[in-house]
């Protein structure tokens, strides 16, 4: 678990350094996730690799990571209360956009796989 956490934190550190050096307008942890994705794609570690096992463990307890965000929403309820309509509209529009993109990608993939199965 410690080696896996060190690997994940190393990717985050690399992301932070890349952002500091290049001045990218992207948060360092996001760049670190891209670095992690590139490494995982390149190496293809097995299920017994420490980084993979640590990631699985974190995903099993993902709901705990939402507790601080929920506490922040409750603590700022008075500030958020004035913007309920805008927040609700943003949620509905983003949900619909996500649904439309997912449907479009599903249709595209279905057409591509059907075309490949039909051709020799």
PDB file of N, CA and C in Angstrom:
ATOM      1  N   UNK A   1       0.827  -1.194   0.000  1.00  0.00           N
ATOM      2  CA  UNK A   1       0.000   0.000   0.000  1.00  0.00           C
ATOM      3  C   UNK A   1       0.874   1.262   0.000  1.00  0.00           C
ATOM      4  N   UNK A   2       1.969   1.221   0.758  1.00  0.00           N
ATOM      5  CA  UNK A   2       2.848   2.390   0.826  1.00  0.00           C
ATOM      6  C   UNK A   2       3.503   2.639  -0.535  1.00  0.00           C
ATOM      7  N   UNK A   3       3.966   1.572  -1.186  1.00  0.00           N
ATOM      8  CA  UNK A   3       4.586   1.753  -2.506  1.00  0.00           C
ATOM      9  C   UNK A   3       3.586   2.299  -3.516  1.00  0.00           C
ATOM     10  N   UNK A   4       2.346   1.835  -3.440  1.00  0.00           N
ATOM     11  CA  UNK A   4       1.310   2.337  -4.336  1.00  0.00           C
ATOM     12  C   UNK A   4       1.023   3.808  -4.101  1.00  0.00           C
ATOM     13  N   UNK A   5       0.922   4.194  -2.822  1.00  0.00           N
ATOM     14  CA  UNK A   5       0.699   5.611  -2.504  1.00  0.00           C
ATOM     15  C   UNK A   5       1.878   6.463  -2.958  1.00  0.00           C
ATOM     16  N   UNK A   6       3.090   5.941  -2.782  1.00  0.00           N
ATOM     17  CA  UNK A   6       4.261   6.682  -3.258  1.00  0.00           C
ATOM     18  C   UNK A   6       4.220   6.862  -4.772  1.00  0.00           C
ATOM     19  N   UNK A   7       3.788   5.830  -5.482  1.00  0.00           N
ATOM     20  CA  UNK A   7       3.669   5.944  -6.936  1.00  0.00           C
ATOM     21  C   UNK A   7       2.640   6.982  -7.347  1.00  0.00           C
ATOM     22  N   UNK A   8       1.480   6.968  -6.673  1.00  0.00           N
ATOM     23  CA  UNK A   8       0.438   7.952  -6.987  1.00  0.00           C
ATOM     24  C   UNK A   8       0.896   9.366  -6.645  1.00  0.00           C
ATOM     25  N   UNK A   9       1.547   9.522  -5.485  1.00  0.00           N
ATOM     26  CA  UNK A   9       2.038  10.846  -5.098  1.00  0.00           C
ATOM     27  C   UNK A   9       3.181  11.307  -5.998  1.00  0.00           C
ATOM     28  N   UNK A  10       3.986  10.371  -6.495  1.00  0.00           N
ATOM     29  CA  UNK A  10       5.049  10.738  -7.432  1.00  0.00           C
ATOM     30  C   UNK A  10       4.458  11.293  -8.725  1.00  0.00           C
ATOM     31  N   UNK A  11       3.381  10.677  -9.194  1.00  0.00           N
ATOM     32  CA  UNK A  11       2.719  11.198 -10.397  1.00  0.00           C
ATOM     33  C   UNK A  11       2.157  12.591 -10.144  1.00  0.00           C
ATOM     34  N   UNK A  12       1.594  12.805  -8.958  1.00  0.00           N
ATOM     35  CA  UNK A  12       1.076  14.132  -8.635  1.00  0.00           C
ATOM     36  C   UNK A  12       2.215  15.145  -8.559  1.00  0.00           C
ATOM     37  N   UNK A  13       3.337  14.753  -7.972  1.00  0.00           N
ATOM     38  CA  UNK A  13       4.489  15.643  -7.890  1.00  0.00           C
ATOM     39  C   UNK A  13       5.011  15.989  -9.281  1.00  0.00           C
ATOM     40  N   UNK A  14       5.084  15.004 -10.155  1.00  0.00           N
ATOM     41  CA  UNK A  14       5.519  15.263 -11.535  1.00  0.00           C
ATOM     42  C   UNK A  14       4.566  16.250 -12.202  1.00  0.00           C
ATOM     43  N   UNK A  15       3.268  16.079 -11.962  1.00  0.00           N
ATOM     44  CA  UNK A  15       2.287  17.011 -12.513  1.00  0.00           C
ATOM     45  C   UNK A  15       2.476  18.420 -11.986  1.00  0.00           C
ATOM     46  N   UNK A  16       2.715  18.548 -10.685  1.00  0.00           N
ATOM     47  CA  UNK A  16       2.940  19.872 -10.093  1.00  0.00           C
ATOM     48  C   UNK A  16       4.197  20.524 -10.665  1.00  0.00           C
ATOM     49  N   UNK A  17       5.249  19.737 -10.822  1.00  0.00           N
ATOM     50  CA  UNK A  17       6.497  20.275 -11.372  1.00  0.00           C
ATOM     51  C   UNK A  17       6.302  20.701 -12.823  1.00  0.00           C
ATOM     52  N   UNK A  18       5.613  19.883 -13.606  1.00  0.00           N
ATOM     53  CA  UNK A  18       5.362  20.249 -15.006  1.00  0.00           C
ATOM     54  C   UNK A  18       4.562  21.539 -15.116  1.00  0.00           C
ATOM     55  N   UNK A  19       3.572  21.712 -14.240  1.00  0.00           N
ATOM     56  CA  UNK A  19       2.774  22.940 -14.269  1.00  0.00           C
ATOM     57  C   UNK A  19       3.629  24.133 -13.856  1.00  0.00           C
ATOM     58  N   UNK A  20       4.472  23.950 -12.838  1.00  0.00           N
ATOM     59  CA  UNK A  20       5.320  25.053 -12.382  1.00  0.00           C
ATOM     60  C   UNK A  20       6.348  25.445 -13.435  1.00  0.00           C
ATOM     61  N   UNK A  21       6.900  24.466 -14.127  1.00  0.00           N
ATOM     62  CA  UNK A  21       7.937  24.741 -15.125  1.00  0.00           C
ATOM     63  C   UNK A  21       7.350  25.320 -16.405  1.00  0.00           C
ATOM     64  N   UNK A  22       6.231  24.760 -16.854  1.00  0.00           N
ATOM     65  CA  UNK A  22       5.672  25.181 -18.140  1.00  0.00           C
ATOM     66  C   UNK A  22       4.654  26.306 -18.020  1.00  0.00           C
ATOM     67  N   UNK A  23       4.108  26.512 -16.830  1.00  0.00           N
ATOM     68  CA  UNK A  23       3.097  27.550 -16.657  1.00  0.00           C
ATOM     69  C   UNK A  23       1.746  27.176 -17.231  1.00  0.00           C
ATOM     70  N   UNK A  24       1.473  25.887 -17.355  1.00  0.00           N
ATOM     71  CA  UNK A  24       0.181  25.439 -17.876  1.00  0.00           C
ATOM     72  C   UNK A  24      -0.958  25.940 -16.993  1.00  0.00           C
ATOM     73  N   UNK A  25      -2.075  26.333 -17.585  1.00  0.00           N
ATOM     74  CA  UNK A  25      -3.217  26.802 -16.783  1.00  0.00           C
ATOM     75  C   UNK A  25      -4.100  25.644 -16.317  1.00  0.00           C
ATOM     76  N   UNK A  26      -3.474  24.545 -15.905  1.00  0.00           N
ATOM     77  CA  UNK A  26      -4.178  23.337 -15.478  1.00  0.00           C
ATOM     78  C   UNK A  26      -3.649  22.972 -14.093  1.00  0.00           C
ATOM     79  N   UNK A  27      -4.506  22.504 -13.189  1.00  0.00           N
ATOM     80  CA  UNK A  27      -4.009  22.096 -11.870  1.00  0.00           C
ATOM     81  C   UNK A  27      -2.993  20.958 -11.973  1.00  0.00           C
ATOM     82  N   UNK A  28      -2.004  20.995 -11.110  1.00  0.00           N
ATOM     83  CA  UNK A  28      -0.964  19.976 -11.104  1.00  0.00           C
ATOM     84  C   UNK A  28      -1.481  18.558 -10.942  1.00  0.00           C
ATOM     85  N   UNK A  29      -2.453  18.320 -10.031  1.00  0.00           N
ATOM     86  CA  UNK A  29      -2.965  16.956  -9.905  1.00  0.00           C
ATOM     87  C   UNK A  29      -3.623  16.429 -11.179  1.00  0.00           C
ATOM     88  N   UNK A  30      -4.208  17.310 -11.978  1.00  0.00           N
ATOM     89  CA  UNK A  30      -4.811  16.869 -13.243  1.00  0.00           C
ATOM     90  C   UNK A  30      -3.711  16.421 -14.208  1.00  0.00           C
ATOM     91  N   UNK A  31      -2.640  17.178 -14.285  1.00  0.00           N
ATOM     92  CA  UNK A  31      -1.510  16.783 -15.126  1.00  0.00           C
ATOM     93  C   UNK A  31      -0.904  15.489 -14.587  1.00  0.00           C
ATOM     94  N   UNK A  32      -0.855  15.356 -13.262  1.00  0.00           N
ATOM     95  CA  UNK A  32      -0.366  14.123 -12.655  1.00  0.00           C
ATOM     96  C   UNK A  32      -1.212  12.925 -13.030  1.00  0.00           C
ATOM     97  N   UNK A  33      -2.533  13.108 -13.108  1.00  0.00           N
ATOM     98  CA  UNK A  33      -3.405  12.016 -13.537  1.00  0.00           C
ATOM     99  C   UNK A  33      -3.130  11.629 -14.982  1.00  0.00           C
ATOM    100  N   UNK A  34      -2.853  12.617 -15.825  1.00  0.00           N
ATOM    101  CA  UNK A  34      -2.520  12.317 -17.224  1.00  0.00           C
ATOM    102  C   UNK A  34      -1.197  11.548 -17.285  1.00  0.00           C
ATOM    103  N   UNK A  35      -0.235  11.945 -16.453  1.00  0.00           N
ATOM    104  CA  UNK A  35       1.040  11.223 -16.385  1.00  0.00           C
ATOM    105  C   UNK A  35       0.801   9.787 -15.922  1.00  0.00           C
ATOM    106  N   UNK A  36      -0.046   9.614 -14.900  1.00  0.00           N
ATOM    107  CA  UNK A  36      -0.372   8.271 -14.413  1.00  0.00           C
ATOM    108  C   UNK A  36      -1.047   7.442 -15.499  1.00  0.00           C
ATOM    109  N   UNK A  37      -1.984   8.049 -16.218  1.00  0.00           N
ATOM    110  CA  UNK A  37      -2.659   7.342 -17.307  1.00  0.00           C
ATOM    111  C   UNK A  37      -1.664   6.916 -18.384  1.00  0.00           C
ATOM    112  N   UNK A  38      -0.751   7.817 -18.737  1.00  0.00           N
ATOM    113  CA  UNK A  38       0.257   7.482 -19.751  1.00  0.00           C
ATOM    114  C   UNK A  38       1.141   6.340 -19.265  1.00  0.00           C
ATOM    115  N   UNK A  39       1.545   6.384 -18.003  1.00  0.00           N
ATOM    116  CA  UNK A  39       2.388   5.321 -17.457  1.00  0.00           C
ATOM    117  C   UNK A  39       1.645   3.990 -17.424  1.00  0.00           C
ATOM    118  N   UNK A  40       0.387   4.011 -16.987  1.00  0.00           N
ATOM    119  CA  UNK A  40      -0.398   2.776 -16.936  1.00  0.00           C
ATOM    120  C   UNK A  40      -0.635   2.207 -18.331  1.00  0.00           C
ATOM    121  N   UNK A  41      -0.833   3.081 -19.314  1.00  0.00           N
ATOM    122  CA  UNK A  41      -1.029   2.630 -20.692  1.00  0.00           C
ATOM    123  C   UNK A  41       0.261   2.041 -21.255  1.00  0.00           C
ATOM    124  N   UNK A  42       1.369   2.662 -20.928  1.00  0.00           N
ATOM    125  CA  UNK A  42       2.660   2.219 -21.449  1.00  0.00           C
ATOM    126  C   UNK A  42       3.108   0.913 -20.799  1.00  0.00           C
ATOM    127  N   UNK A  43       3.017   0.833 -19.464  1.00  0.00           N
ATOM    128  CA  UNK A  43       3.521  -0.334 -18.730  1.00  0.00           C
ATOM    129  C   UNK A  43       2.525  -1.482 -18.650  1.00  0.00           C
ATOM    130  N   UNK A  44       1.245  -1.182 -18.599  1.00  0.00           N
ATOM    131  CA  UNK A  44       0.189  -2.193 -18.432  1.00  0.00           C
ATOM    132  C   UNK A  44       0.482  -3.114 -17.241  1.00  0.00           C
ATOM    133  N   UNK A  45       0.561  -2.542 -16.025  1.00  0.00           N
ATOM    134  CA  UNK A  45       0.864  -3.389 -14.861  1.00  0.00           C
ATOM    135  C   UNK A  45      -0.295  -4.333 -14.555  1.00  0.00           C
ATOM    136  N   UNK A  46       0.035  -5.459 -13.960  1.00  0.00           N
ATOM    137  CA  UNK A  46      -0.977  -6.451 -13.615  1.00  0.00           C
ATOM    138  C   UNK A  46      -1.772  -6.030 -12.392  1.00  0.00           C
ATOM    139  N   UNK A  47      -2.758  -6.845 -12.053  1.00  0.00           N
ATOM    140  CA  UNK A  47      -3.635  -6.536 -10.919  1.00  0.00           C
ATOM    141  C   UNK A  47      -2.898  -6.596  -9.593  1.00  0.00           C
ATOM    142  N   UNK A  48      -1.733  -7.236  -9.552  1.00  0.00           N
ATOM    143  CA  UNK A  48      -0.995  -7.340  -8.303  1.00  0.00           C
ATOM    144  C   UNK A  48       0.016  -6.211  -8.110  1.00  0.00           C
ATOM    145  N   UNK A  49       0.104  -5.285  -9.047  1.00  0.00           N
ATOM    146  CA  UNK A  49       1.029  -4.157  -8.929  1.00  0.00           C
ATOM    147  C   UNK A  49       0.575  -3.246  -7.793  1.00  0.00           C
ATOM    148  N   UNK A  50       1.519  -2.698  -6.998  1.00  0.00           N
ATOM    149  CA  UNK A  50       1.131  -1.861  -5.850  1.00  0.00           C
ATOM    150  C   UNK A  50       0.261  -0.660  -6.210  1.00  0.00           C
ATOM    151  N   UNK A  51       0.538  -0.003  -7.327  1.00  0.00           N
ATOM    152  CA  UNK A  51      -0.268   1.164  -7.707  1.00  0.00           C
ATOM    153  C   UNK A  51      -1.693   0.738  -8.043  1.00  0.00           C
ATOM    154  N   UNK A  52      -1.842  -0.383  -8.725  1.00  0.00           N
ATOM    155  CA  UNK A  52      -3.177  -0.878  -9.083  1.00  0.00           C
ATOM    156  C   UNK A  52      -3.934  -1.295  -7.828  1.00  0.00           C
ATOM    157  N   UNK A  53      -3.256  -1.999  -6.915  1.00  0.00           N
ATOM    158  CA  UNK A  53      -3.921  -2.418  -5.671  1.00  0.00           C
ATOM    159  C   UNK A  53      -4.325  -1.214  -4.831  1.00  0.00           C
ATOM    160  N   UNK A  54      -3.472  -0.195  -4.764  1.00  0.00           N
ATOM    161  CA  UNK A  54      -3.805   1.010  -4.007  1.00  0.00           C
ATOM    162  C   UNK A  54      -4.971   1.740  -4.651  1.00  0.00           C
ATOM    163  N   UNK A  55      -4.969   1.837  -5.972  1.00  0.00           N
ATOM    164  CA  UNK A  55      -6.092   2.469  -6.670  1.00  0.00           C
ATOM    165  C   UNK A  55      -7.398   1.740  -6.422  1.00  0.00           C
ATOM    166  N   UNK A  56      -7.351   0.411  -6.433  1.00  0.00           N
ATOM    167  CA  UNK A  56      -8.559  -0.368  -6.141  1.00  0.00           C
ATOM    168  C   UNK A  56      -9.045  -0.106  -4.722  1.00  0.00           C
ATOM    169  N   UNK A  57      -8.107  -0.032  -3.782  1.00  0.00           N
ATOM    170  CA  UNK A  57      -8.483   0.250  -2.398  1.00  0.00           C
ATOM    171  C   UNK A  57      -9.108   1.626  -2.238  1.00  0.00           C
ATOM    172  N   UNK A  58      -8.546   2.616  -2.922  1.00  0.00           N
ATOM    173  CA  UNK A  58      -9.118   3.966  -2.855  1.00  0.00           C
ATOM    174  C   UNK A  58     -10.498   4.011  -3.497  1.00  0.00           C
ATOM    175  N   UNK A  59     -10.680   3.299  -4.589  1.00  0.00           N
ATOM    176  CA  UNK A  59     -11.986   3.283  -5.252  1.00  0.00           C
ATOM    177  C   UNK A  59     -13.045   2.599  -4.400  1.00  0.00           C
ATOM    178  N   UNK A  60     -12.629   1.590  -3.622  1.00  0.00           N
ATOM    179  CA  UNK A  60     -13.595   0.922  -2.744  1.00  0.00           C
ATOM    180  C   UNK A  60     -14.131   1.863  -1.672  1.00  0.00           C
ATOM    181  N   UNK A  61     -13.334   2.848  -1.290  1.00  0.00           N
ATOM    182  CA  UNK A  61     -13.738   3.782  -0.239  1.00  0.00           C
ATOM    183  C   UNK A  61     -13.917   5.198  -0.791  1.00  0.00           C
ATOM    184  N   UNK A  62     -14.309   5.298  -2.036  1.00  0.00           N
ATOM    185  CA  UNK A  62     -14.449   6.588  -2.705  1.00  0.00           C
ATOM    186  C   UNK A  62     -15.464   7.494  -2.020  1.00  0.00           C
ATOM    187  N   UNK A  63     -16.517   6.915  -1.452  1.00  0.00           N
ATOM    188  CA  UNK A  63     -17.555   7.725  -0.819  1.00  0.00           C
ATOM    189  C   UNK A  63     -16.986   8.561   0.328  1.00  0.00           C
ATOM    190  N   UNK A  64     -15.925   8.108   0.972  1.00  0.00           N
ATOM    191  CA  UNK A  64     -15.333   8.887   2.058  1.00  0.00           C
ATOM    192  C   UNK A  64     -14.697  10.177   1.545  1.00  0.00           C
ATOM    193  N   UNK A  65     -14.263  10.175   0.297  1.00  0.00           N
ATOM    194  CA  UNK A  65     -13.635  11.365  -0.262  1.00  0.00           C
ATOM    195  C   UNK A  65     -14.649  12.469  -0.558  1.00  0.00           C
ATOM    196  N   UNK A  66     -15.937  12.125  -0.574  1.00  0.00           N
ATOM    197  CA  UNK A  66     -16.969  13.127  -0.817  1.00  0.00           C
ATOM    198  C   UNK A  66     -17.438  13.806   0.469  1.00  0.00           C
ATOM    199  N   UNK A  67     -17.040  13.297   1.628  1.00  0.00           N
ATOM    200  CA  UNK A  67     -17.481  13.872   2.901  1.00  0.00           C
ATOM    201  C   UNK A  67     -17.030  15.327   3.043  1.00  0.00           C
ATOM    202  N   UNK A  68     -15.764  15.684   2.782  1.00  0.00           N
ATOM    203  CA  UNK A  68     -15.378  17.092   2.921  1.00  0.00           C
ATOM    204  C   UNK A  68     -16.174  18.028   2.004  1.00  0.00           C
ATOM    205  N   UNK A  69     -16.464  17.586   0.789  1.00  0.00           N
ATOM    206  CA  UNK A  69     -17.259  18.421  -0.119  1.00  0.00           C
ATOM    207  C   UNK A  69     -18.666  18.607   0.422  1.00  0.00           C
ATOM    208  N   UNK A  70     -19.255  17.556   0.959  1.00  0.00           N
ATOM    209  CA  UNK A  70     -20.598  17.658   1.544  1.00  0.00           C
ATOM    210  C   UNK A  70     -20.622  18.576   2.744  1.00  0.00           C
ATOM    211  N   UNK A  71     -19.595  18.502   3.578  1.00  0.00           N
ATOM    212  CA  UNK A  71     -19.507  19.388   4.740  1.00  0.00           C
ATOM    213  C   UNK A  71     -19.369  20.834   4.280  1.00  0.00           C
ATOM    214  N   UNK A  72     -18.604  21.071   3.232  1.00  0.00           N
ATOM    215  CA  UNK A  72     -18.463  22.427   2.709  1.00  0.00           C
ATOM    216  C   UNK A  72     -19.768  22.979   2.181  1.00  0.00           C
ATOM    217  N   UNK A  73     -20.556  22.150   1.521  1.00  0.00           N
ATOM    218  CA  UNK A  73     -21.860  22.592   1.015  1.00  0.00           C
ATOM    219  C   UNK A  73     -22.770  22.961   2.175  1.00  0.00           C
ATOM    220  N   UNK A  74     -22.789  22.136   3.210  1.00  0.00           N
ATOM    221  CA  UNK A  74     -23.640  22.423   4.370  1.00  0.00           C
ATOM    222  C   UNK A  74     -23.156  23.681   5.082  1.00  0.00           C
ATOM    223  N   UNK A  75     -21.845  23.849   5.203  1.00  0.00           N
ATOM    224  CA  UNK A  75     -21.305  25.023   5.888  1.00  0.00           C
ATOM    225  C   UNK A  75     -21.594  26.309   5.120  1.00  0.00           C
ATOM    226  N   UNK A  76     -21.681  26.237   3.813  1.00  0.00           N
ATOM    227  CA  UNK A  76     -21.923  27.418   2.989  1.00  0.00           C
ATOM    228  C   UNK A  76     -23.354  27.470   2.472  1.00  0.00           C
ATOM    229  N   UNK A  77     -24.280  26.834   3.165  1.00  0.00           N
ATOM    230  CA  UNK A  77     -25.675  26.762   2.712  1.00  0.00           C
ATOM    231  C   UNK A  77     -26.285  28.144   2.516  1.00  0.00           C
ATOM    232  N   UNK A  78     -25.949  29.097   3.366  1.00  0.00           N
ATOM    233  CA  UNK A  78     -26.514  30.444   3.239  1.00  0.00           C
ATOM    234  C   UNK A  78     -26.045  31.108   1.948  1.00  0.00           C
ATOM    235  N   UNK A  79     -24.797  30.927   1.604  1.00  0.00           N
ATOM    236  CA  UNK A  79     -24.254  31.525   0.377  1.00  0.00           C
ATOM    237  C   UNK A  79     -24.845  30.829  -0.847  1.00  0.00           C
ATOM    238  N   UNK A  80     -24.943  29.512  -0.779  1.00  0.00           N
ATOM    239  CA  UNK A  80     -25.455  28.734  -1.902  1.00  0.00           C
ATOM    240  C   UNK A  80     -26.951  28.951  -2.091  1.00  0.00           C
ATOM    241  N   UNK A  81     -27.658  29.251  -1.016  1.00  0.00           N
ATOM    242  CA  UNK A  81     -29.114  29.402  -1.073  1.00  0.00           C
ATOM    243  C   UNK A  81     -29.582  30.422  -2.094  1.00  0.00           C
ATOM    244  N   UNK A  82     -28.833  31.479  -2.309  1.00  0.00           N
ATOM    245  CA  UNK A  82     -29.221  32.500  -3.269  1.00  0.00           C
ATOM    246  C   UNK A  82     -29.011  32.091  -4.714  1.00  0.00           C
ATOM    247  N   UNK A  83     -28.303  31.015  -4.926  1.00  0.00           N
ATOM    248  CA  UNK A  83     -27.979  30.589  -6.290  1.00  0.00           C
ATOM    249  C   UNK A  83     -28.564  29.227  -6.629  1.00  0.00           C
ATOM    250  N   UNK A  84     -29.610  28.828  -5.940  1.00  0.00           N
ATOM    251  CA  UNK A  84     -30.174  27.492  -6.146  1.00  0.00           C
ATOM    252  C   UNK A  84     -30.653  27.314  -7.584  1.00  0.00           C
ATOM    253  N   UNK A  85     -31.313  28.312  -8.145  1.00  0.00           N
ATOM    254  CA  UNK A  85     -31.834  28.184  -9.510  1.00  0.00           C
ATOM    255  C   UNK A  85     -30.694  28.023 -10.520  1.00  0.00           C
ATOM    256  N   UNK A  86     -29.647  28.810 -10.368  1.00  0.00           N
ATOM    257  CA  UNK A  86     -28.516  28.711 -11.292  1.00  0.00           C
ATOM    258  C   UNK A  86     -27.804  27.370 -11.147  1.00  0.00           C
ATOM    259  N   UNK A  87     -27.653  26.906  -9.925  1.00  0.00           N
ATOM    260  CA  UNK A  87     -27.002  25.616  -9.693  1.00  0.00           C
ATOM    261  C   UNK A  87     -27.844  24.489 -10.285  1.00  0.00           C
ATOM    262  N   UNK A  88     -29.154  24.534 -10.060  1.00  0.00           N
ATOM    263  CA  UNK A  88     -30.044  23.501 -10.597  1.00  0.00           C
ATOM    264  C   UNK A  88     -30.013  23.508 -12.127  1.00  0.00           C
ATOM    265  N   UNK A  89     -30.033  24.696 -12.721  1.00  0.00           N
ATOM    266  CA  UNK A  89     -29.980  24.776 -14.183  1.00  0.00           C
ATOM    267  C   UNK A  89     -28.659  24.218 -14.715  1.00  0.00           C
ATOM    268  N   UNK A  90     -27.573  24.545 -14.054  1.00  0.00           N
ATOM    269  CA  UNK A  90     -26.273  24.013 -14.467  1.00  0.00           C
ATOM    270  C   UNK A  90     -26.207  22.502 -14.364  1.00  0.00           C
ATOM    271  N   UNK A  91     -26.776  21.966 -13.291  1.00  0.00           N
ATOM    272  CA  UNK A  91     -26.800  20.512 -13.129  1.00  0.00           C
ATOM    273  C   UNK A  91     -27.622  19.834 -14.217  1.00  0.00           C
ATOM    274  N   UNK A  92     -28.787  20.390 -14.516  1.00  0.00           N
ATOM    275  CA  UNK A  92     -29.655  19.783 -15.527  1.00  0.00           C
ATOM    276  C   UNK A  92     -29.018  19.865 -16.911  1.00  0.00           C
ATOM    277  N   UNK A  93     -28.467  21.021 -17.253  1.00  0.00           N
ATOM    278  CA  UNK A  93     -27.850  21.187 -18.575  1.00  0.00           C
ATOM    279  C   UNK A  93     -26.631  20.275 -18.715  1.00  0.00           C
ATOM    280  N   UNK A  94     -25.791  20.213 -17.685  1.00  0.00           N
ATOM    281  CA  UNK A  94     -24.607  19.357 -17.778  1.00  0.00           C
ATOM    282  C   UNK A  94     -24.991  17.881 -17.811  1.00  0.00           C
ATOM    283  N   UNK A  95     -26.048  17.504 -17.083  1.00  0.00           N
ATOM    284  CA  UNK A  95     -26.517  16.119 -17.129  1.00  0.00           C
ATOM    285  C   UNK A  95     -26.991  15.773 -18.537  1.00  0.00           C
ATOM    286  N   UNK A  96     -27.772  16.680 -19.143  1.00  0.00           N
ATOM    287  CA  UNK A  96     -28.284  16.426 -20.486  1.00  0.00           C
ATOM    288  C   UNK A  96     -27.150  16.370 -21.505  1.00  0.00           C
ATOM    289  N   UNK A  97     -26.169  17.263 -21.360  1.00  0.00           N
ATOM    290  CA  UNK A  97     -25.030  17.248 -22.286  1.00  0.00           C
ATOM    291  C   UNK A  97     -24.253  15.941 -22.155  1.00  0.00           C
ATOM    292  N   UNK A  98     -24.039  15.488 -20.937  1.00  0.00           N
ATOM    293  CA  UNK A  98     -23.351  14.213 -20.723  1.00  0.00           C
ATOM    294  C   UNK A  98     -24.120  13.049 -21.305  1.00  0.00           C
ATOM    295  N   UNK A  99     -25.439  13.076 -21.138  1.00  0.00           N
ATOM    296  CA  UNK A  99     -26.286  12.024 -21.691  1.00  0.00           C
ATOM    297  C   UNK A  99     -26.213  12.019 -23.218  1.00  0.00           C
ATOM    298  N   UNK A 100     -26.263  13.206 -23.818  1.00  0.00           N
ATOM    299  CA  UNK A 100     -26.213  13.302 -25.279  1.00  0.00           C
ATOM    300  C   UNK A 100     -24.863  12.822 -25.820  1.00  0.00           C
ATOM    301  N   UNK A 101     -23.776  13.212 -25.178  1.00  0.00           N
ATOM    302  CA  UNK A 101     -22.450  12.782 -25.630  1.00  0.00           C
ATOM    303  C   UNK A 101     -22.296  11.274 -25.473  1.00  0.00           C
ATOM    304  N   UNK A 102     -22.747  10.733 -24.345  1.00  0.00           N
ATOM    305  CA  UNK A 102     -22.664   9.285 -24.131  1.00  0.00           C
ATOM    306  C   UNK A 102     -23.475   8.531 -25.176  1.00  0.00           C
ATOM    307  N   UNK A 103     -24.670   9.005 -25.461  1.00  0.00           N
ATOM    308  CA  UNK A 103     -25.494   8.373 -26.491  1.00  0.00           C
ATOM    309  C   UNK A 103     -24.853   8.451 -27.856  1.00  0.00           C
ATOM    310  N   UNK A 104     -24.286   9.605 -28.187  1.00  0.00           N
ATOM    311  CA  UNK A 104     -23.621   9.759 -29.479  1.00  0.00           C
ATOM    312  C   UNK A 104     -22.421   8.840 -29.627  1.00  0.00           C
ATOM    313  N   UNK A 105     -21.624   8.724 -28.571  1.00  0.00           N
ATOM    314  CA  UNK A 105     -20.465   7.830 -28.613  1.00  0.00           C
ATOM    315  C   UNK A 105     -20.918   6.377 -28.727  1.00  0.00           C
ATOM    316  N   UNK A 106     -21.982   6.009 -28.011  1.00  0.00           N
ATOM    317  CA  UNK A 106     -22.498   4.636 -28.087  1.00  0.00           C
ATOM    318  C   UNK A 106     -22.972   4.315 -29.499  1.00  0.00           C
ATOM    319  N   UNK A 107     -23.686   5.235 -30.125  1.00  0.00           N
ATOM    320  CA  UNK A 107     -24.160   5.013 -31.498  1.00  0.00           C
ATOM    321  C   UNK A 107     -22.974   4.902 -32.453  1.00  0.00           C
ATOM    322  N   UNK A 108     -21.988   5.771 -32.302  1.00  0.00           N
ATOM    323  CA  UNK A 108     -20.804   5.730 -33.160  1.00  0.00           C
ATOM    324  C   UNK A 108     -20.061   4.404 -33.008  1.00  0.00           C
ATOM    325  N   UNK A 109     -19.861   3.969 -31.773  1.00  0.00           N
ATOM    326  CA  UNK A 109     -19.166   2.701 -31.550  1.00  0.00           C
ATOM    327  C   UNK A 109     -19.969   1.522 -32.076  1.00  0.00           C
ATOM    328  N   UNK A 110     -21.277   1.580 -31.936  1.00  0.00           N
ATOM    329  CA  UNK A 110     -22.124   0.508 -32.461  1.00  0.00           C
ATOM    330  C   UNK A 110     -22.003   0.426 -33.979  1.00  0.00           C
ATOM    331  N   UNK A 111     -21.986   1.576 -34.640  1.00  0.00           N
ATOM    332  CA  UNK A 111     -21.834   1.589 -36.102  1.00  0.00           C
ATOM    333  C   UNK A 111     -20.465   1.062 -36.517  1.00  0.00           C
ATOM    334  N   UNK A 112     -19.429   1.464 -35.780  1.00  0.00           N
ATOM    335  CA  UNK A 112     -18.080   1.008 -36.122  1.00  0.00           C
ATOM    336  C   UNK A 112     -17.927  -0.493 -35.933  1.00  0.00           C
ATOM    337  N   UNK A 113     -18.439  -1.019 -34.829  1.00  0.00           N
ATOM    338  CA  UNK A 113     -18.308  -2.460 -34.592  1.00  0.00           C
ATOM    339  C   UNK A 113     -19.163  -3.258 -35.557  1.00  0.00           C
ATOM    340  N   UNK A 114     -20.330  -2.743 -35.916  1.00  0.00           N
ATOM    341  CA  UNK A 114     -21.181  -3.430 -36.888  1.00  0.00           C
ATOM    342  C   UNK A 114     -20.519  -3.432 -38.259  1.00  0.00           C
ATOM    343  N   UNK A 115     -19.897  -2.321 -38.639  1.00  0.00           N
ATOM    344  CA  UNK A 115     -19.223  -2.237 -39.937  1.00  0.00           C
ATOM    345  C   UNK A 115     -18.036  -3.194 -39.995  1.00  0.00           C
ATOM    346  N   UNK A 116     -17.305  -3.341 -38.891  1.00  0.00           N
ATOM    347  CA  UNK A 116     -16.151  -4.247 -38.873  1.00  0.00           C
ATOM    348  C   UNK A 116     -16.586  -5.701 -38.933  1.00  0.00           C
ATOM    349  N   UNK A 117     -17.677  -6.037 -38.273  1.00  0.00           N
ATOM    350  CA  UNK A 117     -18.156  -7.417 -38.295  1.00  0.00           C
ATOM    351  C   UNK A 117     -18.672  -7.800 -39.679  1.00  0.00           C
ATOM    352  N   UNK A 118     -19.219  -6.834 -40.411  1.00  0.00           N
ATOM    353  CA  UNK A 118     -19.763  -7.103 -41.740  1.00  0.00           C
ATOM    354  C   UNK A 118     -18.699  -7.189 -42.812  1.00  0.00           C
ATOM    355  N   UNK A 119     -17.537  -6.554 -42.614  1.00  0.00           N
ATOM    356  CA  UNK A 119     -16.493  -6.568 -43.640  1.00  0.00           C
ATOM    357  C   UNK A 119     -15.520  -7.719 -43.378  1.00  0.00           C
ATOM    358  N   UNK A 120     -14.927  -8.274 -44.435  1.00  0.00           N
ATOM    359  CA  UNK A 120     -14.011  -9.430 -44.278  1.00  0.00           C
ATOM    360  C   UNK A 120     -12.688  -9.048 -43.692  1.00  0.00           C
TER     361      UNK A 120
END
